[in-house]
Amino acid sequence: DTTVFRENLSNLIRSHGYTPYAFSVELNITPSTVHRHLSGDRIPDTESIIKYSQFFQVSIDWLLGLSTERDGPSLGNASEIVNLYALATEEDRKVVDLLLSKYKSPKE
């Protein structure tokens, strides 16, 4: 269920003085993508969620409704890692994901 995500994103767009169209132009994504994310017709991919979170400087967990902490904890270099991951090619992301899977707990 993406209800909280949609509400949070919509509120952020409005509170920063954007229309969904102007927001899409600012982020260089198609207006239809933003509309689908806001309407729930399309679940946003990781790259979109990262873009939205970075643009509004809110935590991903808050944006998704997983935390009430809007700004989230300070994670030092984590934001740089997220930025670099967002820039990586899909092939490079697969390599990173494979490497990180080595350190995940069996429950994940």
C-alpha atoms as a PDB file:
ATOM      1  CA  ASP A   1       0.000   0.000   0.000  1.00  0.00           C
ATOM      2  CA  THR A   2       1.514   3.295  -1.106  1.00  0.00           C
ATOM      3  CA  THR A   3      -1.033   5.572   0.566  1.00  0.00           C
ATOM      4  CA  VAL A   4       1.388   7.187   3.036  1.00  0.00           C
ATOM      5  CA  PHE A   5       4.048   7.611   0.353  1.00  0.00           C
ATOM      6  CA  ARG A   6       1.540   9.291  -1.971  1.00  0.00           C
ATOM      7  CA  GLU A   7       0.280  11.597   0.784  1.00  0.00           C
ATOM      8  CA  ASN A   8       3.806  12.535   1.878  1.00  0.00           C
ATOM      9  CA  LEU A   9       4.973  13.207  -1.668  1.00  0.00           C
ATOM     10  CA  SER A  10       1.882  15.225  -2.490  1.00  0.00           C
ATOM     11  CA  ASN A  11       2.264  17.320   0.675  1.00  0.00           C
ATOM     12  CA  LEU A  12       5.944  17.932  -0.054  1.00  0.00           C
ATOM     13  CA  ILE A  13       5.239  19.035  -3.606  1.00  0.00           C
ATOM     14  CA  ARG A  14       2.474  21.407  -2.494  1.00  0.00           C
ATOM     15  CA  SER A  15       4.318  22.784   0.553  1.00  0.00           C
ATOM     16  CA  HIS A  16       7.331  23.668  -1.596  1.00  0.00           C
ATOM     17  CA  GLY A  17       5.130  25.606  -4.006  1.00  0.00           C
ATOM     18  CA  TYR A  18       5.236  23.174  -6.913  1.00  0.00           C
ATOM     19  CA  THR A  19       2.530  21.713  -9.047  1.00  0.00           C
ATOM     20  CA  PRO A  20       3.110  18.063  -9.963  1.00  0.00           C
ATOM     21  CA  TYR A  21       4.032  19.230 -13.467  1.00  0.00           C
ATOM     22  CA  ALA A  22       6.542  21.861 -12.282  1.00  0.00           C
ATOM     23  CA  PHE A  23       8.017  19.300  -9.872  1.00  0.00           C
ATOM     24  CA  SER A  24       8.501  16.789 -12.686  1.00  0.00           C
ATOM     25  CA  VAL A  25      10.251  19.421 -14.796  1.00  0.00           C
ATOM     26  CA  GLU A  26      12.507  20.361 -11.864  1.00  0.00           C
ATOM     27  CA  LEU A  27      13.523  16.703 -11.418  1.00  0.00           C
ATOM     28  CA  ASN A  28      13.769  16.064 -15.152  1.00  0.00           C
ATOM     29  CA  ILE A  29      11.263  13.214 -15.106  1.00  0.00           C
ATOM     30  CA  THR A  30       8.094  12.856 -17.115  1.00  0.00           C
ATOM     31  CA  PRO A  31       4.927  14.443 -15.740  1.00  0.00           C
ATOM     32  CA  SER A  32       3.108  11.150 -16.294  1.00  0.00           C
ATOM     33  CA  THR A  33       5.554   9.366 -13.978  1.00  0.00           C
ATOM     34  CA  VAL A  34       4.888  11.832 -11.159  1.00  0.00           C
ATOM     35  CA  HIS A  35       1.139  11.624 -11.801  1.00  0.00           C
ATOM     36  CA  ARG A  36       1.207   7.809 -11.650  1.00  0.00           C
ATOM     37  CA  HIS A  37       3.218   7.870  -8.416  1.00  0.00           C
ATOM     38  CA  LEU A  38       0.789  10.354  -6.850  1.00  0.00           C
ATOM     39  CA  SER A  39      -2.296   8.457  -7.998  1.00  0.00           C
ATOM     40  CA  GLY A  40      -0.995   5.031  -7.017  1.00  0.00           C
ATOM     41  CA  ASP A  41      -1.197   3.731 -10.572  1.00  0.00           C
ATOM     42  CA  ARG A  42       2.522   3.012 -10.500  1.00  0.00           C
ATOM     43  CA  ILE A  43       4.804   2.008  -7.643  1.00  0.00           C
ATOM     44  CA  PRO A  44       7.936   4.167  -7.739  1.00  0.00           C
ATOM     45  CA  ASP A  45      11.238   2.457  -8.384  1.00  0.00           C
ATOM     46  CA  THR A  46      14.212   2.864  -6.059  1.00  0.00           C
ATOM     47  CA  GLU A  47      15.771   5.564  -8.218  1.00  0.00           C
ATOM     48  CA  SER A  48      12.618   7.698  -8.066  1.00  0.00           C
ATOM     49  CA  ILE A  49      12.298   7.310  -4.310  1.00  0.00           C
ATOM     50  CA  ILE A  50      15.929   8.347  -3.878  1.00  0.00           C
ATOM     51  CA  LYS A  51      15.441  11.363  -6.152  1.00  0.00           C
ATOM     52  CA  TYR A  52      12.351  12.483  -4.253  1.00  0.00           C
ATOM     53  CA  SER A  53      14.030  12.003  -0.884  1.00  0.00           C
ATOM     54  CA  GLN A  54      17.152  13.901  -1.915  1.00  0.00           C
ATOM     55  CA  PHE A  55      15.239  16.712  -3.576  1.00  0.00           C
ATOM     56  CA  PHE A  56      13.146  17.416  -0.485  1.00  0.00           C
ATOM     57  CA  GLN A  57      15.900  16.424   1.960  1.00  0.00           C
ATOM     58  CA  VAL A  58      13.726  13.956   3.847  1.00  0.00           C
ATOM     59  CA  SER A  59      14.514  10.428   4.894  1.00  0.00           C
ATOM     60  CA  ILE A  60      13.453   7.620   2.614  1.00  0.00           C
ATOM     61  CA  ASP A  61      11.892   5.843   5.581  1.00  0.00           C
ATOM     62  CA  TRP A  62       9.716   8.877   6.338  1.00  0.00           C
ATOM     63  CA  LEU A  63       8.768   9.323   2.693  1.00  0.00           C
ATOM     64  CA  LEU A  64       7.645   5.693   2.542  1.00  0.00           C
ATOM     65  CA  GLY A  65       5.785   5.920   5.849  1.00  0.00           C
ATOM     66  CA  LEU A  66       8.164   3.618   7.699  1.00  0.00           C
ATOM     67  CA  SER A  67       9.270   6.255  10.214  1.00  0.00           C
ATOM     68  CA  THR A  68       7.894   9.360  11.853  1.00  0.00           C
ATOM     69  CA  GLU A  69      11.373  10.934  11.768  1.00  0.00           C
ATOM     70  CA  ARG A  70      11.173  13.197   8.733  1.00  0.00           C
ATOM     71  CA  ASP A  71      14.868  14.043   8.590  1.00  0.00           C
ATOM     72  CA  GLY A  72      16.070  10.662   9.707  1.00  0.00           C
ATOM     73  CA  PRO A  73      19.287   9.938  11.542  1.00  0.00           C
ATOM     74  CA  SER A  74      22.552  11.435  10.381  1.00  0.00           C
ATOM     75  CA  LEU A  75      24.415   8.681   8.620  1.00  0.00           C
ATOM     76  CA  GLY A  76      27.644  10.398   7.618  1.00  0.00           C
ATOM     77  CA  ASN A  77      28.742   9.037   4.246  1.00  0.00           C
ATOM     78  CA  ALA A  78      25.486   7.176   3.653  1.00  0.00           C
ATOM     79  CA  SER A  79      24.001  10.017   1.616  1.00  0.00           C
ATOM     80  CA  GLU A  80      27.066  10.058  -0.618  1.00  0.00           C
ATOM     81  CA  ILE A  81      26.760   6.305  -1.106  1.00  0.00           C
ATOM     82  CA  VAL A  82      23.065   6.688  -1.985  1.00  0.00           C
ATOM     83  CA  ASN A  83      23.909   9.458  -4.459  1.00  0.00           C
ATOM     84  CA  LEU A  84      26.574   7.355  -6.136  1.00  0.00           C
ATOM     85  CA  TYR A  85      24.310   4.306  -6.247  1.00  0.00           C
ATOM     86  CA  ALA A  86      21.643   6.421  -7.954  1.00  0.00           C
ATOM     87  CA  LEU A  87      24.185   7.371 -10.634  1.00  0.00           C
ATOM     88  CA  ALA A  88      25.409   3.819 -11.201  1.00  0.00           C
ATOM     89  CA  THR A  89      24.402   1.775 -14.206  1.00  0.00           C
ATOM     90  CA  GLU A  90      22.067  -1.152 -13.668  1.00  0.00           C
ATOM     91  CA  GLU A  91      24.963  -3.531 -14.268  1.00  0.00           C
ATOM     92  CA  ASP A  92      27.071  -1.784 -11.618  1.00  0.00           C
ATOM     93  CA  ARG A  93      24.141  -1.844  -9.188  1.00  0.00           C
ATOM     94  CA  LYS A  94      23.890  -5.609  -9.616  1.00  0.00           C
ATOM     95  CA  VAL A  95      27.550  -5.931  -8.630  1.00  0.00           C
ATOM     96  CA  VAL A  96      27.035  -3.714  -5.570  1.00  0.00           C
ATOM     97  CA  ASP A  97      23.872  -5.603  -4.587  1.00  0.00           C
ATOM     98  CA  LEU A  98      25.670  -8.927  -4.937  1.00  0.00           C
ATOM     99  CA  LEU A  99      28.511  -7.720  -2.751  1.00  0.00           C
ATOM    100  CA  LEU A 100      26.141  -6.351  -0.111  1.00  0.00           C
ATOM    101  CA  SER A 101      24.114  -9.571  -0.076  1.00  0.00           C
ATOM    102  CA  LYS A 102      27.165 -11.230   1.446  1.00  0.00           C
ATOM    103  CA  TYR A 103      26.624  -9.177   4.606  1.00  0.00           C
ATOM    104  CA  LYS A 104      22.847  -9.447   4.923  1.00  0.00           C
ATOM    105  CA  SER A 105      21.386 -11.524   7.706  1.00  0.00           C
ATOM    106  CA  PRO A 106      19.629 -14.768   6.683  1.00  0.00           C
ATOM    107  CA  LYS A 107      16.246 -13.236   7.660  1.00  0.00           C
ATOM    108  CA  GLU A 108      16.426 -10.582   4.896  1.00  0.00           C
END
